[in-house]
């Protein structure tokens, strides 16, 4: 039995445990996702409402400016009316005055309509702001919980990393480097057991001659399919109790 293989097996177990912590830290809880999603929706709705209010305010201001100009023109036209003596010109000015009044009335109605729309939109904006505040509190609370969880997981992971450093110091640098390269390329698994001629890394059948060689347990072998380091697992399951003795060596 090779001590390096046994140590790599123990290292692989530890690395898988560390990987679980990494995935747990990367996983965003559903409650936090939901809170963020609800918050974003309300923000989007609020932004659209504010933009619509600004648009209505702009329209209202334009109508008010036009009304002011038309009111000024109306007064000027009415003043000219008092100076007219001819019947035909008088009738033309009367018609112009009526047209100005009719236009001004339409603008006043549009302004009133816009004022009502702005008031309703402002009420909606106020409600959305209240809802946004509540949802923001929920989101911040869920984020706090997630950050506390990540902090705790990172603290627990740091202990495993210390243990890992101690374990790697007992493995030859050449085989460790090979293992590390495979682990990074193969989803966190650099060494896999072989049971009943099946590689537990890729679940492919090991060729018969290689399967015989693996059982000799006299050097490192690799799976011809996934290229991971492989070992005859039954030997090491029987000797599993020896791992602590070797780690302490």
Protein backbone atom coordinates (compact mmCIF):
# COMPACT_ATOMS: atom_id res chain seq x y z
CA UNK A 1 0.00 0.00 0.00
CA UNK A 2 1.32 3.43 -0.91
CA UNK A 3 1.28 6.09 1.79
CA UNK A 4 0.93 8.89 -0.78
CA UNK A 5 -2.18 7.26 -2.22
CA UNK A 6 -3.73 6.94 1.21
CA UNK A 7 -2.89 10.54 1.97
CA UNK A 8 -4.33 11.65 -1.37
CA UNK A 9 -7.52 9.76 -0.60
CA UNK A 10 -7.82 11.61 2.71
CA UNK A 11 -6.96 14.89 0.99
CA UNK A 12 -9.63 14.24 -1.62
CA UNK A 13 -12.22 13.72 1.13
CA UNK A 14 -11.16 16.99 2.73
CA UNK A 15 -11.22 18.83 -0.60
CA UNK A 16 -14.75 17.61 -1.27
CA UNK A 17 -15.74 18.90 2.16
CA UNK A 18 -14.18 22.29 1.34
CA UNK A 19 -15.98 22.25 -2.01
CA UNK A 20 -19.28 21.85 -0.17
CA UNK A 21 -18.51 25.00 1.79
CA UNK A 22 -17.61 26.88 -1.40
CA UNK A 23 -20.89 25.87 -3.03
CA UNK A 24 -22.86 26.74 0.11
CA UNK A 25 -21.27 30.19 0.14
CA UNK A 26 -21.97 30.72 -3.56
CA UNK A 27 -25.58 29.57 -3.24
CA UNK A 28 -27.91 32.52 -2.72
CA UNK A 29 -30.91 31.54 -0.51
CA UNK A 30 -34.35 31.62 -2.14
CA UNK A 31 -35.64 34.09 0.46
CA UNK A 32 -32.89 36.56 -0.47
CA UNK A 33 -33.51 36.06 -4.20
CA UNK A 34 -37.24 36.62 -3.70
CA UNK A 35 -36.67 39.73 -1.56
CA UNK A 36 -34.26 41.15 -4.16
CA UNK A 37 -36.67 40.36 -7.00
CA UNK A 38 -39.61 42.02 -5.22
CA UNK A 39 -37.45 45.04 -4.42
CA UNK A 40 -36.29 45.39 -8.02
CA UNK A 41 -39.87 45.16 -9.33
CA UNK A 42 -41.09 47.92 -7.03
CA UNK A 43 -38.08 50.08 -7.88
CA UNK A 44 -38.80 49.66 -11.57
CA UNK A 45 -42.47 50.49 -11.08
CA UNK A 46 -41.60 53.53 -8.95
CA UNK A 47 -39.11 54.77 -11.54
CA UNK A 48 -41.73 54.48 -14.28
CA UNK A 49 -44.30 56.32 -12.15
CA UNK A 50 -41.86 59.14 -11.37
CA UNK A 51 -40.96 59.41 -15.07
CA UNK A 52 -44.66 59.57 -15.96
CA UNK A 53 -45.27 62.31 -13.39
CA UNK A 54 -42.38 64.31 -14.84
CA UNK A 55 -43.81 63.81 -18.33
CA UNK A 56 -47.26 65.01 -17.23
CA UNK A 57 -45.72 67.95 -15.39
CA UNK A 58 -43.89 68.92 -18.58
CA UNK A 59 -47.11 68.73 -20.62
CA UNK A 60 -48.96 70.77 -18.02
CA UNK A 61 -46.27 73.45 -18.01
CA UNK A 62 -46.36 73.65 -21.81
CA UNK A 63 -50.17 74.06 -21.82
CA UNK A 64 -49.94 76.73 -19.11
CA UNK A 65 -47.37 78.67 -21.11
CA UNK A 66 -49.51 78.41 -24.24
CA UNK A 67 -52.59 79.46 -22.28
CA UNK A 68 -50.73 82.45 -20.88
CA UNK A 69 -49.73 83.52 -24.41
CA UNK A 70 -53.24 83.00 -25.75
CA UNK A 71 -54.76 84.95 -22.85
CA UNK A 72 -52.39 87.80 -23.62
CA UNK A 73 -53.37 87.65 -27.31
CA UNK A 74 -57.04 87.61 -26.33
CA UNK A 75 -56.66 90.84 -24.36
CA UNK A 76 -54.82 92.46 -27.25
CA UNK A 77 -57.50 91.39 -29.72
CA UNK A 78 -60.28 92.62 -27.44
CA UNK A 79 -58.49 95.96 -27.14
CA UNK A 80 -58.33 96.25 -30.93
CA UNK A 81 -62.04 95.48 -31.11
CA UNK A 82 -62.88 98.79 -29.41
CA UNK A 83 -60.94 100.67 -32.07
CA UNK A 84 -62.63 99.06 -35.07
CA UNK A 85 -65.31 100.98 -36.97
CA UNK A 86 -65.89 98.79 -40.00
CA UNK A 87 -68.51 96.04 -39.65
CA UNK A 88 -66.59 93.45 -41.69
CA UNK A 89 -63.33 93.85 -39.75
CA UNK A 90 -65.32 93.90 -36.52
CA UNK A 91 -66.92 90.55 -37.35
CA UNK A 92 -63.53 89.07 -38.23
CA UNK A 93 -62.10 90.11 -34.85
CA UNK A 94 -65.16 88.73 -33.05
CA UNK A 95 -64.60 85.40 -34.77
CA UNK A 96 -60.90 85.47 -33.80
CA UNK A 97 -61.80 86.22 -30.17
CA UNK A 98 -64.27 83.32 -30.07
CA UNK A 99 -61.64 80.99 -31.55
CA UNK A 100 -59.09 82.09 -28.93
CA UNK A 101 -61.63 81.55 -26.13
CA UNK A 102 -62.50 78.11 -27.48
CA UNK A 103 -58.82 77.15 -27.70
CA UNK A 104 -58.16 78.49 -24.22
CA UNK A 105 -61.05 76.49 -22.81
CA UNK A 106 -59.63 73.31 -24.33
CA UNK A 107 -56.22 74.06 -22.86
CA UNK A 108 -57.78 74.72 -19.44
CA UNK A 109 -59.58 71.36 -19.65
CA UNK A 110 -56.33 69.65 -20.62
CA UNK A 111 -54.54 71.32 -17.70
CA UNK A 112 -57.24 70.19 -15.26
CA UNK A 113 -57.09 66.67 -16.66
CA UNK A 114 -53.29 66.63 -16.29
CA UNK A 115 -53.54 67.97 -12.74
CA UNK A 116 -55.89 65.12 -11.84
CA UNK A 117 -53.58 62.55 -13.46
CA UNK A 118 -50.58 64.01 -11.66
CA UNK A 119 -52.43 63.86 -8.34
CA UNK A 120 -53.36 60.20 -8.87
CA UNK A 121 -49.83 59.34 -9.96
CA UNK A 122 -48.39 61.14 -6.95
CA UNK A 123 -50.62 59.12 -4.64
CA UNK A 124 -49.47 55.95 -6.38
CA UNK A 125 -45.85 57.10 -6.04
CA UNK A 126 -46.30 57.64 -2.30
CA UNK A 127 -47.74 54.15 -1.89
CA UNK A 128 -44.89 52.64 -3.91
CA UNK A 129 -42.33 54.49 -1.78
CA UNK A 130 -43.92 53.08 1.38
CA UNK A 131 -43.92 49.59 -0.09
CA UNK A 132 -40.32 50.07 -1.27
CA UNK A 133 -39.26 50.98 2.25
CA UNK A 134 -40.86 47.84 3.68
CA UNK A 135 -39.39 45.59 1.01
CA UNK A 136 -35.98 47.18 1.47
CA UNK A 137 -36.12 46.32 5.17
CA UNK A 138 -36.99 42.71 4.31
CA UNK A 139 -34.18 42.56 1.76
CA UNK A 140 -31.61 44.04 4.15
CA UNK A 141 -32.62 41.53 6.83
CA UNK A 142 -32.29 38.59 4.43
CA UNK A 143 -28.97 39.94 3.19
CA UNK A 144 -27.75 40.24 6.78
CA UNK A 145 -28.68 36.61 7.45
CA UNK A 146 -26.88 35.51 4.29
CA UNK A 147 -23.76 37.49 5.17
CA UNK A 148 -23.73 36.00 8.67
CA UNK A 149 -24.09 32.53 7.15
CA UNK A 150 -21.23 33.18 4.73
CA UNK A 151 -19.06 34.47 7.56
CA UNK A 152 -19.73 31.36 9.61
CA UNK A 153 -19.09 29.07 6.63
CA UNK A 154 -15.86 30.89 5.81
CA UNK A 155 -14.69 30.52 9.40
CA UNK A 156 -15.42 26.79 9.34
CA UNK A 157 -13.78 26.50 5.93
CA UNK A 158 -10.65 28.28 7.21
CA UNK A 159 -10.18 25.51 9.76
CA UNK A 160 -10.34 22.93 6.99
CA UNK A 161 -7.81 24.90 4.96
CA UNK A 162 -5.38 24.82 7.88
CA UNK A 163 -5.85 21.08 8.10
CA UNK A 164 -5.37 20.81 4.33
CA UNK A 165 -2.07 22.66 4.50
CA UNK A 166 -0.84 20.20 7.09
CA UNK A 167 -1.96 17.26 4.96
CA UNK A 168 -0.35 18.50 1.73
CA UNK A 169 2.98 18.96 3.51
CA UNK A 170 3.12 15.18 3.94
CA UNK A 171 2.58 14.40 0.23
CA UNK A 172 5.38 14.43 -2.33
CA UNK A 173 5.32 17.61 -4.38
CA UNK A 174 5.30 15.83 -7.73
CA UNK A 175 2.21 13.74 -7.09
CA UNK A 176 0.51 16.60 -5.25
CA UNK A 177 0.95 18.89 -8.24
CA UNK A 178 -0.51 16.23 -10.51
CA UNK A 179 -3.46 15.76 -8.19
CA UNK A 180 -4.07 19.53 -7.93
CA UNK A 181 -4.08 19.91 -11.72
CA UNK A 182 -6.55 17.06 -12.14
CA UNK A 183 -8.76 18.32 -9.31
CA UNK A 184 -9.06 21.75 -10.90
CA UNK A 185 -9.89 20.29 -14.31
CA UNK A 186 -12.19 17.50 -13.14
CA UNK A 187 -14.80 19.20 -10.98
CA UNK A 188 -12.90 18.92 -7.73
CA UNK A 189 -12.03 15.20 -8.01
CA UNK A 190 -8.40 14.38 -8.77
CA UNK A 191 -8.28 10.79 -7.54
CA UNK A 192 -10.98 8.13 -7.76
CA UNK A 193 -11.42 4.61 -6.53
CA UNK A 194 -11.93 1.58 -8.77
CA UNK A 195 -14.48 -1.00 -7.70
CA UNK A 196 -15.48 -4.03 -9.78
CA UNK A 197 -13.40 -2.63 -12.66
CA UNK A 198 -15.42 0.61 -12.70
CA UNK A 199 -13.80 4.03 -12.24
CA UNK A 200 -15.84 5.96 -9.69
CA UNK A 201 -14.71 9.22 -11.28
CA UNK A 202 -16.22 8.72 -14.74
CA UNK A 203 -18.10 5.41 -14.23
CA UNK A 204 -16.36 3.80 -17.20
CA UNK A 205 -15.12 0.19 -17.22
CA UNK A 206 -11.38 -0.15 -16.74
CA UNK A 207 -9.65 -2.40 -19.33
CA UNK A 208 -8.98 -5.91 -17.87
CA UNK A 209 -5.18 -5.73 -18.03
CA UNK A 210 -5.09 -2.31 -16.34
CA UNK A 211 -7.53 -3.58 -13.71
CA UNK A 212 -5.08 -6.39 -12.90
CA UNK A 213 -2.19 -3.92 -12.68
CA UNK A 214 -4.13 -1.58 -10.37
CA UNK A 215 -4.62 -4.43 -7.91
CA UNK A 216 -0.84 -4.78 -7.57
CA UNK A 217 -0.89 -1.39 -5.84
CA UNK A 218 2.76 -0.73 -6.65
CA UNK A 219 2.55 2.69 -8.35
CA UNK A 220 0.18 5.45 -9.44
CA UNK A 221 -2.22 4.71 -12.28
CA UNK A 222 -4.60 6.89 -14.25
CA UNK A 223 -7.99 6.21 -15.77
CA UNK A 224 -7.67 5.89 -19.57
CA UNK A 225 -10.93 7.80 -19.97
CA UNK A 226 -11.11 10.64 -17.43
CA UNK A 227 -7.34 10.72 -16.76
CA UNK A 228 -7.85 10.92 -12.99
CA UNK A 229 -5.51 9.12 -10.64
CA UNK A 230 -7.09 5.81 -9.70
CA UNK A 231 -6.57 3.16 -7.02
CA UNK A 232 -8.01 -0.22 -6.10
CA UNK A 233 -10.58 0.92 -3.57
CA UNK A 234 -11.15 -2.38 -1.64
CA UNK A 235 -7.53 -2.33 -0.43
CA UNK A 236 -7.87 1.13 1.04
CA UNK A 237 -11.32 0.59 2.52
CA UNK A 238 -9.86 -2.29 4.53
CA UNK A 239 -6.94 -0.14 5.61
CA UNK A 240 -8.95 3.02 6.24
CA UNK A 241 -8.14 2.92 9.92
CA UNK A 242 -4.46 3.31 9.08
CA UNK A 243 -4.93 6.81 7.64
CA UNK A 244 -4.67 8.56 10.99
CA UNK A 245 -1.42 6.78 11.76
CA UNK A 246 0.08 7.86 8.46
CA UNK A 247 -1.13 11.48 8.84
CA UNK A 248 0.59 11.62 12.16
CA UNK A 249 3.82 10.20 10.77
